[in-house]
Amino acid sequence: EKMTLEQYAVSEYVENNWLTRILLHKLDNLAITNGDLEHAKNILREKCLVGLLSEFDASMYRFERFFGWQVSTPQDRECQLRHVTVGDSRHEHPEIEENSKAWLLLQEQNKYDMLLFEFIKTLFFIEQTNF
């Protein structure tokens, strides 16, 4: 059955803080708390090397150094970029206007993931001093 994005955002099918839940192994539908968010931040801080698509070149340089990857040609970099930006999306999705009804509903469903993403952006620049 087809539904609008707004209908999806209030349905039983909507994702709810998926990244936070995965990091915490909290895949049930129990509520996420501020304490859970802090725990997820600690996991990222202590166990993860983060990258940002908006900082693609710096992220790939970081991963190459950390994992010992050898990327020697512009074609290699182009291949990386193509795989990251195109990915495996099988469906086209329209852009969602920020602060639209759909945006706000999805933001509320994923408020801890949104906060975690802000932390990840900060962590990216903190980790930069290691590379």
N, C-alpha and C. Protein backbone atom coordinates (compact mmCIF):
# COMPACT_ATOMS: atom_id res chain seq x y z
N GLU A 1 0.85 -1.18 0.00
CA GLU A 1 0.00 0.00 0.00
C GLU A 1 0.89 1.24 0.00
N LYS A 2 0.56 2.19 -0.85
CA LYS A 2 1.33 3.43 -0.92
C LYS A 2 0.90 4.36 0.21
N MET A 3 1.88 5.08 0.74
CA MET A 3 1.57 6.09 1.75
C MET A 3 2.45 7.29 1.51
N THR A 4 2.01 8.42 2.00
CA THR A 4 2.82 9.63 1.88
C THR A 4 3.95 9.55 2.90
N LEU A 5 4.91 10.42 2.73
CA LEU A 5 6.01 10.47 3.68
C LEU A 5 5.51 10.84 5.08
N GLU A 6 4.55 11.73 5.14
CA GLU A 6 3.97 12.11 6.43
C GLU A 6 3.28 10.91 7.09
N GLN A 7 2.56 10.12 6.29
CA GLN A 7 1.92 8.92 6.83
C GLN A 7 2.96 7.92 7.32
N TYR A 8 4.03 7.75 6.53
CA TYR A 8 5.11 6.86 6.94
C TYR A 8 5.72 7.32 8.27
N ALA A 9 5.92 8.62 8.41
CA ALA A 9 6.59 9.17 9.59
C ALA A 9 5.82 8.92 10.88
N VAL A 10 4.53 8.67 10.79
CA VAL A 10 3.75 8.40 12.00
C VAL A 10 3.27 6.94 12.04
N SER A 11 3.77 6.14 11.11
CA SER A 11 3.33 4.74 11.04
C SER A 11 4.22 3.84 11.90
N GLU A 12 3.84 2.60 12.01
CA GLU A 12 4.62 1.61 12.74
C GLU A 12 5.89 1.23 11.98
N TYR A 13 6.01 1.62 10.72
CA TYR A 13 7.15 1.24 9.89
C TYR A 13 8.32 2.22 9.95
N VAL A 14 8.11 3.37 10.53
CA VAL A 14 9.14 4.40 10.52
C VAL A 14 10.36 3.96 11.33
N GLU A 15 11.54 4.30 10.81
CA GLU A 15 12.77 4.05 11.56
C GLU A 15 12.82 5.02 12.74
N ASN A 16 13.35 4.53 13.84
CA ASN A 16 13.43 5.35 15.04
C ASN A 16 14.84 5.25 15.60
N ASN A 17 15.64 6.28 15.33
CA ASN A 17 17.00 6.38 15.87
C ASN A 17 17.82 5.12 15.57
N TRP A 18 17.83 4.72 14.31
CA TRP A 18 18.48 3.48 13.90
C TRP A 18 19.95 3.43 14.28
N LEU A 19 20.71 4.48 13.99
CA LEU A 19 22.15 4.46 14.28
C LEU A 19 22.41 4.33 15.77
N THR A 20 21.71 5.10 16.56
CA THR A 20 21.88 5.04 18.01
C THR A 20 21.56 3.63 18.51
N ARG A 21 20.48 3.05 18.01
CA ARG A 21 20.08 1.71 18.43
C ARG A 21 21.12 0.66 18.03
N ILE A 22 21.65 0.75 16.81
CA ILE A 22 22.65 -0.21 16.35
C ILE A 22 23.90 -0.14 17.23
N LEU A 23 24.37 1.06 17.51
CA LEU A 23 25.56 1.21 18.35
C LEU A 23 25.37 0.61 19.73
N LEU A 24 24.16 0.71 20.26
CA LEU A 24 23.87 0.25 21.62
C LEU A 24 23.33 -1.18 21.66
N HIS A 25 23.13 -1.79 20.52
CA HIS A 25 22.47 -3.11 20.45
C HIS A 25 21.11 -3.05 21.14
N LYS A 26 20.42 -1.97 20.93
CA LYS A 26 19.10 -1.75 21.54
C LYS A 26 18.06 -1.72 20.43
N LEU A 27 17.81 -2.89 19.86
CA LEU A 27 16.98 -2.97 18.67
C LEU A 27 15.50 -3.14 18.96
N ASP A 28 15.15 -3.24 20.23
CA ASP A 28 13.74 -3.31 20.58
C ASP A 28 13.12 -1.92 20.43
N ASN A 29 11.89 -1.79 20.73
CA ASN A 29 11.23 -0.49 20.59
C ASN A 29 11.20 0.30 21.88
N LEU A 30 12.05 -0.05 22.83
CA LEU A 30 12.11 0.72 24.06
C LEU A 30 12.64 2.12 23.76
N ALA A 31 12.23 3.06 24.56
CA ALA A 31 12.62 4.45 24.34
C ALA A 31 14.13 4.62 24.52
N ILE A 32 14.70 5.49 23.70
CA ILE A 32 16.10 5.89 23.82
C ILE A 32 16.14 7.08 24.77
N THR A 33 17.17 7.13 25.61
CA THR A 33 17.29 8.19 26.61
C THR A 33 18.53 9.05 26.33
N ASN A 34 18.64 10.14 27.06
CA ASN A 34 19.86 10.96 26.97
C ASN A 34 21.08 10.16 27.40
N GLY A 35 20.91 9.28 28.37
CA GLY A 35 22.01 8.41 28.79
C GLY A 35 22.45 7.49 27.67
N ASP A 36 21.48 6.97 26.91
CA ASP A 36 21.80 6.14 25.75
C ASP A 36 22.60 6.94 24.73
N LEU A 37 22.20 8.17 24.50
CA LEU A 37 22.91 9.03 23.56
C LEU A 37 24.36 9.22 23.99
N GLU A 38 24.58 9.48 25.27
CA GLU A 38 25.95 9.66 25.77
C GLU A 38 26.76 8.38 25.61
N HIS A 39 26.13 7.24 25.84
CA HIS A 39 26.81 5.95 25.66
C HIS A 39 27.20 5.75 24.20
N ALA A 40 26.29 6.08 23.28
CA ALA A 40 26.58 5.98 21.85
C ALA A 40 27.74 6.90 21.46
N LYS A 41 27.76 8.10 22.01
CA LYS A 41 28.87 9.03 21.74
C LYS A 41 30.19 8.44 22.22
N ASN A 42 30.19 7.83 23.39
CA ASN A 42 31.41 7.22 23.91
C ASN A 42 31.89 6.08 23.02
N ILE A 43 30.97 5.28 22.52
CA ILE A 43 31.34 4.19 21.61
C ILE A 43 32.02 4.77 20.37
N LEU A 44 31.43 5.80 19.79
CA LEU A 44 32.02 6.42 18.61
C LEU A 44 33.39 7.02 18.92
N ARG A 45 33.49 7.69 20.05
CA ARG A 45 34.73 8.35 20.43
C ARG A 45 35.85 7.33 20.63
N GLU A 46 35.53 6.21 21.25
CA GLU A 46 36.55 5.24 21.64
C GLU A 46 36.81 4.15 20.60
N LYS A 47 35.84 3.86 19.75
CA LYS A 47 35.97 2.67 18.90
C LYS A 47 35.86 2.94 17.40
N CYS A 48 35.54 4.15 16.99
CA CYS A 48 35.25 4.39 15.57
C CYS A 48 36.12 5.48 14.98
N LEU A 49 36.43 5.29 13.73
CA LEU A 49 37.05 6.32 12.91
C LEU A 49 35.95 6.82 11.99
N VAL A 50 35.60 8.09 12.10
CA VAL A 50 34.45 8.59 11.35
C VAL A 50 34.89 9.36 10.11
N GLY A 51 34.02 9.35 9.12
CA GLY A 51 34.20 10.12 7.91
C GLY A 51 32.91 10.84 7.59
N LEU A 52 33.02 11.87 6.79
CA LEU A 52 31.85 12.65 6.38
C LEU A 52 31.84 12.75 4.87
N LEU A 53 30.70 12.52 4.27
CA LEU A 53 30.59 12.67 2.83
C LEU A 53 30.88 14.12 2.43
N SER A 54 30.50 15.06 3.27
CA SER A 54 30.76 16.47 2.97
C SER A 54 32.26 16.80 3.02
N GLU A 55 33.04 15.91 3.62
CA GLU A 55 34.50 16.05 3.69
C GLU A 55 35.12 14.81 3.05
N PHE A 56 34.65 14.49 1.84
CA PHE A 56 34.99 13.22 1.20
C PHE A 56 36.50 13.02 1.09
N ASP A 57 37.21 13.98 0.51
CA ASP A 57 38.65 13.79 0.29
C ASP A 57 39.40 13.61 1.61
N ALA A 58 39.09 14.43 2.59
CA ALA A 58 39.76 14.30 3.90
C ALA A 58 39.40 12.97 4.55
N SER A 59 38.17 12.53 4.40
CA SER A 59 37.75 11.26 4.98
C SER A 59 38.48 10.10 4.33
N MET A 60 38.55 10.10 3.00
CA MET A 60 39.22 9.01 2.30
C MET A 60 40.71 9.00 2.63
N TYR A 61 41.33 10.16 2.73
CA TYR A 61 42.74 10.23 3.11
C TYR A 61 42.94 9.60 4.49
N ARG A 62 42.05 9.92 5.39
CA ARG A 62 42.11 9.37 6.75
C ARG A 62 41.99 7.85 6.73
N PHE A 63 41.01 7.33 5.98
CA PHE A 63 40.82 5.88 5.91
C PHE A 63 42.01 5.20 5.25
N GLU A 64 42.55 5.82 4.21
CA GLU A 64 43.71 5.26 3.53
C GLU A 64 44.90 5.15 4.48
N ARG A 65 45.13 6.18 5.24
CA ARG A 65 46.25 6.16 6.19
C ARG A 65 46.01 5.12 7.28
N PHE A 66 44.81 5.10 7.82
CA PHE A 66 44.49 4.20 8.93
C PHE A 66 44.56 2.73 8.50
N PHE A 67 43.97 2.41 7.35
CA PHE A 67 43.88 1.03 6.90
C PHE A 67 45.04 0.61 6.00
N GLY A 68 45.92 1.55 5.66
CA GLY A 68 47.05 1.23 4.81
C GLY A 68 46.67 0.99 3.35
N TRP A 69 45.59 1.62 2.91
CA TRP A 69 45.14 1.47 1.52
C TRP A 69 46.06 2.26 0.60
N GLN A 70 46.25 1.74 -0.61
CA GLN A 70 47.04 2.43 -1.62
C GLN A 70 46.10 2.90 -2.73
N VAL A 71 45.90 4.19 -2.83
CA VAL A 71 45.09 4.77 -3.90
C VAL A 71 46.03 5.68 -4.68
N SER A 72 46.33 5.28 -5.90
CA SER A 72 47.41 5.98 -6.59
C SER A 72 46.99 6.79 -7.81
N THR A 73 45.79 6.58 -8.31
CA THR A 73 45.42 7.29 -9.54
C THR A 73 44.14 8.10 -9.35
N PRO A 74 43.94 9.10 -10.17
CA PRO A 74 42.67 9.84 -10.12
C PRO A 74 41.47 8.93 -10.41
N GLN A 75 41.69 7.90 -11.22
CA GLN A 75 40.61 6.96 -11.51
C GLN A 75 40.19 6.19 -10.26
N ASP A 76 41.17 5.86 -9.40
CA ASP A 76 40.85 5.19 -8.14
C ASP A 76 39.95 6.08 -7.28
N ARG A 77 40.32 7.35 -7.18
CA ARG A 77 39.54 8.30 -6.38
C ARG A 77 38.14 8.47 -6.98
N GLU A 78 38.06 8.55 -8.29
CA GLU A 78 36.77 8.68 -8.96
C GLU A 78 35.89 7.46 -8.68
N CYS A 79 36.49 6.29 -8.68
CA CYS A 79 35.76 5.05 -8.37
C CYS A 79 35.23 5.09 -6.94
N GLN A 80 36.05 5.52 -6.01
CA GLN A 80 35.60 5.64 -4.61
C GLN A 80 34.41 6.58 -4.51
N LEU A 81 34.54 7.74 -5.11
CA LEU A 81 33.48 8.74 -5.04
C LEU A 81 32.18 8.20 -5.65
N ARG A 82 32.30 7.51 -6.77
CA ARG A 82 31.11 6.96 -7.43
C ARG A 82 30.41 5.94 -6.52
N HIS A 83 31.17 5.07 -5.88
CA HIS A 83 30.57 4.06 -5.00
C HIS A 83 29.94 4.68 -3.77
N VAL A 84 30.54 5.73 -3.27
CA VAL A 84 29.99 6.36 -2.07
C VAL A 84 28.75 7.19 -2.40
N THR A 85 28.80 7.94 -3.49
CA THR A 85 27.67 8.82 -3.78
C THR A 85 26.51 8.09 -4.44
N VAL A 86 26.78 7.12 -5.29
CA VAL A 86 25.71 6.37 -5.94
C VAL A 86 25.24 5.26 -5.02
N GLY A 87 26.18 4.57 -4.41
CA GLY A 87 25.85 3.52 -3.45
C GLY A 87 24.98 2.44 -4.06
N ASP A 88 24.06 1.95 -3.27
CA ASP A 88 23.21 0.84 -3.68
C ASP A 88 21.75 1.24 -3.62
N SER A 89 21.46 2.50 -3.87
CA SER A 89 20.08 2.96 -3.79
C SER A 89 19.29 2.40 -4.96
N ARG A 90 18.26 1.66 -4.63
CA ARG A 90 17.42 1.07 -5.67
C ARG A 90 16.17 1.90 -5.95
N HIS A 91 15.96 2.91 -5.15
CA HIS A 91 14.75 3.71 -5.28
C HIS A 91 15.12 5.18 -5.31
N GLU A 92 14.42 5.91 -6.14
CA GLU A 92 14.61 7.35 -6.15
C GLU A 92 13.70 7.97 -5.10
N HIS A 93 14.22 8.96 -4.42
CA HIS A 93 13.46 9.63 -3.37
C HIS A 93 13.50 11.13 -3.60
N PRO A 94 12.38 11.80 -3.45
CA PRO A 94 12.40 13.26 -3.61
C PRO A 94 13.13 13.92 -2.44
N GLU A 95 13.67 15.09 -2.69
CA GLU A 95 14.27 15.87 -1.62
C GLU A 95 13.18 16.29 -0.65
N ILE A 96 13.51 16.31 0.63
CA ILE A 96 12.55 16.74 1.65
C ILE A 96 12.94 18.15 2.05
N GLU A 97 12.00 19.05 1.99
CA GLU A 97 12.28 20.44 2.36
C GLU A 97 12.45 20.53 3.87
N GLU A 98 13.57 21.14 4.28
CA GLU A 98 13.82 21.30 5.71
C GLU A 98 12.69 22.10 6.36
N ASN A 99 12.28 21.65 7.53
CA ASN A 99 11.20 22.24 8.32
C ASN A 99 9.80 22.03 7.73
N SER A 100 9.69 21.20 6.70
CA SER A 100 8.36 20.82 6.21
C SER A 100 7.74 19.87 7.24
N LYS A 101 6.46 19.58 7.08
CA LYS A 101 5.78 18.68 8.01
C LYS A 101 6.48 17.32 8.05
N ALA A 102 6.81 16.77 6.87
CA ALA A 102 7.49 15.47 6.82
C ALA A 102 8.84 15.54 7.53
N TRP A 103 9.59 16.59 7.27
CA TRP A 103 10.90 16.77 7.89
C TRP A 103 10.78 16.78 9.42
N LEU A 104 9.85 17.57 9.92
CA LEU A 104 9.69 17.70 11.37
C LEU A 104 9.24 16.39 12.01
N LEU A 105 8.36 15.67 11.34
CA LEU A 105 7.91 14.38 11.88
C LEU A 105 9.06 13.37 11.92
N LEU A 106 9.84 13.31 10.84
CA LEU A 106 10.98 12.39 10.81
C LEU A 106 12.07 12.82 11.79
N GLN A 107 12.26 14.11 11.92
CA GLN A 107 13.24 14.63 12.88
C GLN A 107 12.86 14.21 14.30
N GLU A 108 11.59 14.29 14.62
CA GLU A 108 11.14 13.89 15.96
C GLU A 108 11.35 12.40 16.18
N GLN A 109 11.11 11.59 15.17
CA GLN A 109 11.31 10.14 15.29
C GLN A 109 12.79 9.79 15.45
N ASN A 110 13.66 10.67 14.99
CA ASN A 110 15.10 10.37 14.95
C ASN A 110 15.93 11.43 15.66
N LYS A 111 15.37 12.01 16.71
CA LYS A 111 16.05 13.13 17.37
C LYS A 111 17.41 12.74 17.94
N TYR A 112 17.55 11.52 18.45
CA TYR A 112 18.84 11.13 18.99
C TYR A 112 19.86 10.88 17.88
N ASP A 113 19.42 10.34 16.76
CA ASP A 113 20.33 10.20 15.62
C ASP A 113 20.76 11.56 15.10
N MET A 114 19.87 12.53 15.11
CA MET A 114 20.22 13.88 14.66
C MET A 114 21.28 14.48 15.60
N LEU A 115 21.10 14.30 16.89
CA LEU A 115 22.08 14.79 17.86
C LEU A 115 23.40 14.03 17.71
N LEU A 116 23.31 12.74 17.45
CA LEU A 116 24.51 11.93 17.27
C LEU A 116 25.27 12.39 16.02
N PHE A 117 24.55 12.75 14.97
CA PHE A 117 25.21 13.24 13.77
C PHE A 117 25.96 14.55 14.04
N GLU A 118 25.37 15.43 14.82
CA GLU A 118 26.07 16.67 15.18
C GLU A 118 27.36 16.34 15.94
N PHE A 119 27.30 15.36 16.82
CA PHE A 119 28.49 14.92 17.55
C PHE A 119 29.52 14.33 16.58
N ILE A 120 29.07 13.53 15.62
CA ILE A 120 29.98 12.92 14.64
C ILE A 120 30.71 14.00 13.86
N LYS A 121 30.03 15.06 13.47
CA LYS A 121 30.69 16.15 12.75
C LYS A 121 31.79 16.77 13.61
N THR A 122 31.51 16.96 14.88
CA THR A 122 32.53 17.49 15.80
C THR A 122 33.67 16.50 15.96
N LEU A 123 33.34 15.23 16.14
CA LEU A 123 34.35 14.19 16.31
C LEU A 123 35.26 14.10 15.09
N PHE A 124 34.70 14.27 13.92
CA PHE A 124 35.50 14.23 12.70
C PHE A 124 36.65 15.23 12.78
N PHE A 125 36.36 16.43 13.19
CA PHE A 125 37.39 17.46 13.24
C PHE A 125 38.34 17.27 14.42
N ILE A 126 37.86 16.67 15.50
CA ILE A 126 38.76 16.33 16.61
C ILE A 126 39.74 15.25 16.18
N GLU A 127 39.24 14.21 15.49
CA GLU A 127 40.10 13.12 15.02
C GLU A 127 41.10 13.60 13.98
N GLN A 128 40.80 14.68 13.31
CA GLN A 128 41.66 15.19 12.25
C GLN A 128 43.08 15.44 12.75
N THR A 129 43.24 15.77 14.01
CA THR A 129 44.57 16.04 14.55
C THR A 129 45.44 14.78 14.57
N ASN A 130 44.82 13.60 14.46
CA ASN A 130 45.58 12.35 14.45
C ASN A 130 46.09 12.00 13.06
N PHE A 131 45.69 12.76 12.05
CA PHE A 131 46.07 12.43 10.69
C PHE A 131 46.73 13.61 10.07
